[in-house]
């Protein structure tokens, strides 16, 4: 139909909002931002969108594992059987 689709960062469009936030002001801001050259961004693939979620999940697993090791170390310390540092002594 002759329309060119562009993905624009919200922070860039927000700079053009004048007055209260409503649909008309948002549409005007999008139109004004579109007139500026070279501010569109590339669309992320599904893989690019999934990577941050996987990284967060890994960080949570590492944090939970460290928490369990520290808990075991604390229990061992109570009974005066403290092992060395690292996860090798707690397995």
N, C-alpha and C. Protein backbone atom coordinates (compact mmCIF):
# COMPACT_ATOMS: atom_id res chain seq x y z
N UNK A 1 0.81 -1.19 0.00
CA UNK A 1 0.00 0.00 0.00
C UNK A 1 0.85 1.25 0.00
N UNK A 2 2.15 1.10 -0.05
CA UNK A 2 3.00 2.27 -0.11
C UNK A 2 3.52 2.75 1.23
N UNK A 3 3.25 2.01 2.30
CA UNK A 3 3.75 2.41 3.61
C UNK A 3 5.07 1.71 3.91
N UNK A 4 6.00 2.45 4.48
CA UNK A 4 7.29 1.89 4.87
C UNK A 4 7.30 1.76 6.40
N UNK A 5 7.50 0.56 6.91
CA UNK A 5 7.50 0.33 8.35
C UNK A 5 8.89 0.57 8.91
N UNK A 6 8.96 1.36 10.02
CA UNK A 6 10.23 1.62 10.70
C UNK A 6 10.02 1.41 12.19
N UNK A 7 10.99 0.79 12.84
CA UNK A 7 10.95 0.61 14.28
C UNK A 7 11.79 1.71 14.90
N UNK A 8 11.18 2.49 15.81
CA UNK A 8 11.89 3.63 16.40
C UNK A 8 11.98 3.46 17.91
N UNK A 9 13.11 3.85 18.51
CA UNK A 9 13.24 3.76 19.96
C UNK A 9 12.29 4.73 20.67
N UNK A 10 11.64 4.23 21.73
CA UNK A 10 10.68 5.05 22.47
C UNK A 10 11.28 6.30 23.07
N UNK A 11 12.54 6.21 23.53
CA UNK A 11 13.19 7.38 24.13
C UNK A 11 13.33 8.50 23.11
N UNK A 12 13.58 8.14 21.86
CA UNK A 12 13.72 9.15 20.82
C UNK A 12 12.38 9.82 20.54
N UNK A 13 11.32 9.03 20.49
CA UNK A 13 9.99 9.58 20.21
C UNK A 13 9.51 10.44 21.37
N UNK A 14 9.83 10.02 22.60
CA UNK A 14 9.37 10.75 23.79
C UNK A 14 9.84 12.20 23.80
N UNK A 15 10.98 12.46 23.19
CA UNK A 15 11.52 13.83 23.15
C UNK A 15 10.60 14.77 22.36
N UNK A 16 9.75 14.24 21.51
CA UNK A 16 8.89 15.06 20.67
C UNK A 16 7.47 15.22 21.22
N UNK A 17 7.16 14.59 22.36
CA UNK A 17 5.82 14.69 22.94
C UNK A 17 5.67 16.06 23.58
N UNK A 18 4.60 16.76 23.19
CA UNK A 18 4.31 18.08 23.75
C UNK A 18 2.95 18.03 24.42
N UNK A 19 2.85 18.56 25.63
CA UNK A 19 1.57 18.59 26.33
C UNK A 19 1.29 17.27 27.02
N UNK A 20 0.01 17.04 27.31
CA UNK A 20 -0.42 15.84 28.01
C UNK A 20 -0.30 14.61 27.12
N UNK A 21 -0.19 13.44 27.77
CA UNK A 21 -0.10 12.20 27.01
C UNK A 21 -1.50 11.75 26.60
N UNK A 22 -1.71 11.74 25.31
CA UNK A 22 -2.95 11.20 24.74
C UNK A 22 -2.62 10.69 23.34
N UNK A 23 -3.58 10.08 22.69
CA UNK A 23 -3.33 9.47 21.39
C UNK A 23 -2.90 10.50 20.35
N UNK A 24 -3.52 11.66 20.36
CA UNK A 24 -3.18 12.69 19.37
C UNK A 24 -1.75 13.18 19.57
N UNK A 25 -1.37 13.42 20.83
CA UNK A 25 0.00 13.88 21.11
C UNK A 25 1.02 12.81 20.74
N UNK A 26 0.68 11.53 21.03
CA UNK A 26 1.58 10.43 20.67
C UNK A 26 1.74 10.33 19.16
N UNK A 27 0.64 10.44 18.43
CA UNK A 27 0.69 10.36 16.97
C UNK A 27 1.52 11.50 16.40
N UNK A 28 1.36 12.71 16.95
CA UNK A 28 2.13 13.86 16.49
C UNK A 28 3.63 13.65 16.77
N UNK A 29 3.94 13.11 17.94
CA UNK A 29 5.34 12.86 18.31
C UNK A 29 5.97 11.81 17.40
N UNK A 30 5.22 10.76 17.10
CA UNK A 30 5.73 9.72 16.19
C UNK A 30 5.97 10.30 14.81
N UNK A 31 5.04 11.12 14.34
CA UNK A 31 5.21 11.73 13.02
C UNK A 31 6.44 12.64 13.00
N UNK A 32 6.61 13.46 14.05
CA UNK A 32 7.76 14.37 14.09
C UNK A 32 9.08 13.59 14.19
N UNK A 33 9.09 12.51 14.97
CA UNK A 33 10.30 11.71 15.12
C UNK A 33 10.64 11.01 13.81
N UNK A 34 9.63 10.61 13.08
CA UNK A 34 9.85 9.92 11.80
C UNK A 34 10.49 10.84 10.78
N UNK A 35 10.24 12.14 10.89
CA UNK A 35 10.80 13.10 9.95
C UNK A 35 12.31 13.27 10.12
N UNK A 36 12.84 12.92 11.30
CA UNK A 36 14.27 13.04 11.56
C UNK A 36 15.02 11.90 10.86
N UNK A 37 16.19 12.17 10.30
CA UNK A 37 16.91 11.12 9.56
C UNK A 37 17.64 10.14 10.48
N UNK A 38 17.64 8.87 10.06
CA UNK A 38 18.50 7.85 10.64
C UNK A 38 18.29 7.45 12.08
N UNK A 39 17.08 7.42 12.57
CA UNK A 39 16.87 7.02 13.96
C UNK A 39 16.08 5.72 14.09
N UNK A 40 15.98 4.93 13.06
CA UNK A 40 15.27 3.66 13.18
C UNK A 40 16.24 2.59 13.69
N UNK A 41 15.68 1.54 14.30
CA UNK A 41 16.49 0.45 14.83
C UNK A 41 16.10 -0.84 14.13
N UNK A 42 17.03 -1.81 14.15
CA UNK A 42 16.77 -3.09 13.50
C UNK A 42 15.84 -3.94 14.37
N UNK A 43 15.05 -4.78 13.72
CA UNK A 43 14.17 -5.69 14.42
C UNK A 43 15.00 -6.87 14.92
N UNK A 44 14.84 -7.25 16.19
CA UNK A 44 15.60 -8.36 16.76
C UNK A 44 14.98 -9.69 16.34
N UNK A 45 15.85 -10.67 16.09
CA UNK A 45 15.38 -12.02 15.77
C UNK A 45 14.90 -12.68 17.06
N UNK A 46 14.25 -13.83 16.92
CA UNK A 46 13.77 -14.56 18.09
C UNK A 46 14.94 -14.96 18.98
N UNK A 47 16.05 -15.35 18.37
CA UNK A 47 17.23 -15.74 19.14
C UNK A 47 17.77 -14.57 19.94
N UNK A 48 17.85 -13.40 19.32
CA UNK A 48 18.34 -12.21 20.02
C UNK A 48 17.42 -11.83 21.18
N UNK A 49 16.14 -12.08 21.04
CA UNK A 49 15.19 -11.77 22.10
C UNK A 49 15.28 -12.79 23.24
N UNK A 50 15.65 -14.05 22.92
CA UNK A 50 15.70 -15.11 23.93
C UNK A 50 16.97 -15.07 24.77
N UNK A 51 18.07 -14.56 24.23
CA UNK A 51 19.36 -14.59 24.93
C UNK A 51 19.33 -13.89 26.29
N UNK A 52 18.79 -12.67 26.42
CA UNK A 52 18.78 -12.04 27.75
C UNK A 52 18.01 -12.85 28.80
N UNK A 53 16.93 -13.49 28.39
CA UNK A 53 16.17 -14.33 29.32
C UNK A 53 16.98 -15.52 29.80
N UNK A 54 17.71 -16.14 28.89
CA UNK A 54 18.56 -17.27 29.26
C UNK A 54 19.69 -16.82 30.18
N UNK A 55 20.26 -15.65 29.91
CA UNK A 55 21.33 -15.13 30.77
C UNK A 55 20.81 -14.84 32.17
N UNK A 56 19.61 -14.28 32.28
CA UNK A 56 19.00 -14.02 33.59
C UNK A 56 18.77 -15.33 34.34
N UNK A 57 18.28 -16.35 33.62
CA UNK A 57 18.03 -17.64 34.24
C UNK A 57 19.33 -18.25 34.77
N UNK A 58 20.40 -18.14 34.01
CA UNK A 58 21.69 -18.67 34.44
C UNK A 58 22.18 -17.93 35.68
N UNK A 59 22.04 -16.61 35.69
CA UNK A 59 22.46 -15.83 36.86
C UNK A 59 21.69 -16.26 38.11
N UNK A 60 20.40 -16.53 37.96
CA UNK A 60 19.59 -16.96 39.09
C UNK A 60 20.03 -18.33 39.59
N UNK A 61 20.37 -19.24 38.66
CA UNK A 61 20.84 -20.57 39.05
C UNK A 61 22.17 -20.48 39.80
N UNK A 62 23.08 -19.64 39.31
CA UNK A 62 24.37 -19.46 39.98
C UNK A 62 24.16 -18.88 41.38
N UNK A 63 23.28 -17.90 41.49
CA UNK A 63 23.00 -17.28 42.79
C UNK A 63 22.41 -18.30 43.76
N UNK A 64 21.48 -19.13 43.28
CA UNK A 64 20.84 -20.14 44.13
C UNK A 64 21.86 -21.19 44.57
N UNK A 65 22.73 -21.61 43.66
CA UNK A 65 23.76 -22.60 43.98
C UNK A 65 24.71 -22.04 45.04
N UNK A 66 25.13 -20.79 44.88
CA UNK A 66 26.01 -20.15 45.86
C UNK A 66 25.32 -20.07 47.22
N UNK A 67 24.03 -19.77 47.20
CA UNK A 67 23.26 -19.68 48.44
C UNK A 67 23.23 -21.03 49.15
N UNK A 68 23.03 -22.11 48.40
CA UNK A 68 23.00 -23.45 49.00
C UNK A 68 24.37 -23.83 49.56
N UNK A 69 25.43 -23.55 48.83
CA UNK A 69 26.78 -23.86 49.29
C UNK A 69 27.09 -23.11 50.58
N UNK A 70 26.74 -21.83 50.62
CA UNK A 70 26.98 -21.03 51.83
C UNK A 70 26.16 -21.55 53.01
N UNK A 71 24.95 -22.01 52.75
CA UNK A 71 24.12 -22.57 53.81
C UNK A 71 24.74 -23.85 54.36
N UNK A 72 25.20 -24.73 53.47
CA UNK A 72 25.87 -25.96 53.91
C UNK A 72 27.14 -25.64 54.69
N UNK A 73 27.88 -24.67 54.23
CA UNK A 73 29.12 -24.27 54.91
C UNK A 73 28.80 -23.75 56.32
N UNK A 74 27.72 -23.00 56.44
CA UNK A 74 27.31 -22.49 57.75
C UNK A 74 26.91 -23.62 58.69
N UNK A 75 26.16 -24.60 58.15
CA UNK A 75 25.78 -25.75 58.98
C UNK A 75 27.01 -26.54 59.41
N UNK A 76 27.95 -26.73 58.51
CA UNK A 76 29.18 -27.46 58.83
C UNK A 76 29.98 -26.71 59.88
N UNK A 77 29.96 -25.39 59.81
CA UNK A 77 30.70 -24.59 60.78
C UNK A 77 30.10 -24.74 62.18
N UNK A 78 28.79 -24.91 62.26
CA UNK A 78 28.14 -25.08 63.56
C UNK A 78 28.61 -26.34 64.27
N UNK A 79 28.87 -27.37 63.51
CA UNK A 79 29.32 -28.63 64.12
C UNK A 79 30.83 -28.74 64.08
N UNK A 80 31.51 -27.63 63.81
CA UNK A 80 32.97 -27.53 63.80
C UNK A 80 33.63 -28.45 62.78
N UNK A 81 33.01 -28.60 61.63
CA UNK A 81 33.61 -29.38 60.55
C UNK A 81 33.68 -28.52 59.30
N UNK A 82 34.32 -27.41 59.40
CA UNK A 82 34.38 -26.47 58.30
C UNK A 82 35.34 -26.96 57.23
N UNK A 83 34.87 -27.07 56.00
CA UNK A 83 35.71 -27.43 54.86
C UNK A 83 36.38 -26.19 54.31
N UNK A 84 37.25 -26.37 53.34
CA UNK A 84 37.90 -25.25 52.68
C UNK A 84 36.91 -24.49 51.82
N UNK A 85 37.39 -23.52 51.10
CA UNK A 85 36.53 -22.74 50.24
C UNK A 85 36.34 -23.45 48.91
N UNK A 86 35.36 -23.00 48.16
CA UNK A 86 35.06 -23.58 46.86
C UNK A 86 33.99 -24.64 47.00
N UNK A 87 33.38 -25.01 45.88
CA UNK A 87 32.29 -25.98 45.93
C UNK A 87 32.80 -27.41 45.97
N UNK A 88 34.09 -27.63 45.74
CA UNK A 88 34.65 -28.98 45.73
C UNK A 88 34.50 -29.68 47.07
N UNK A 89 34.61 -28.96 48.17
CA UNK A 89 34.52 -29.57 49.49
C UNK A 89 33.11 -29.80 49.96
N UNK A 90 32.10 -29.32 49.25
CA UNK A 90 30.72 -29.43 49.71
C UNK A 90 29.91 -30.41 48.90
N UNK A 91 30.52 -31.11 47.99
CA UNK A 91 29.75 -32.03 47.14
C UNK A 91 29.54 -33.37 47.78
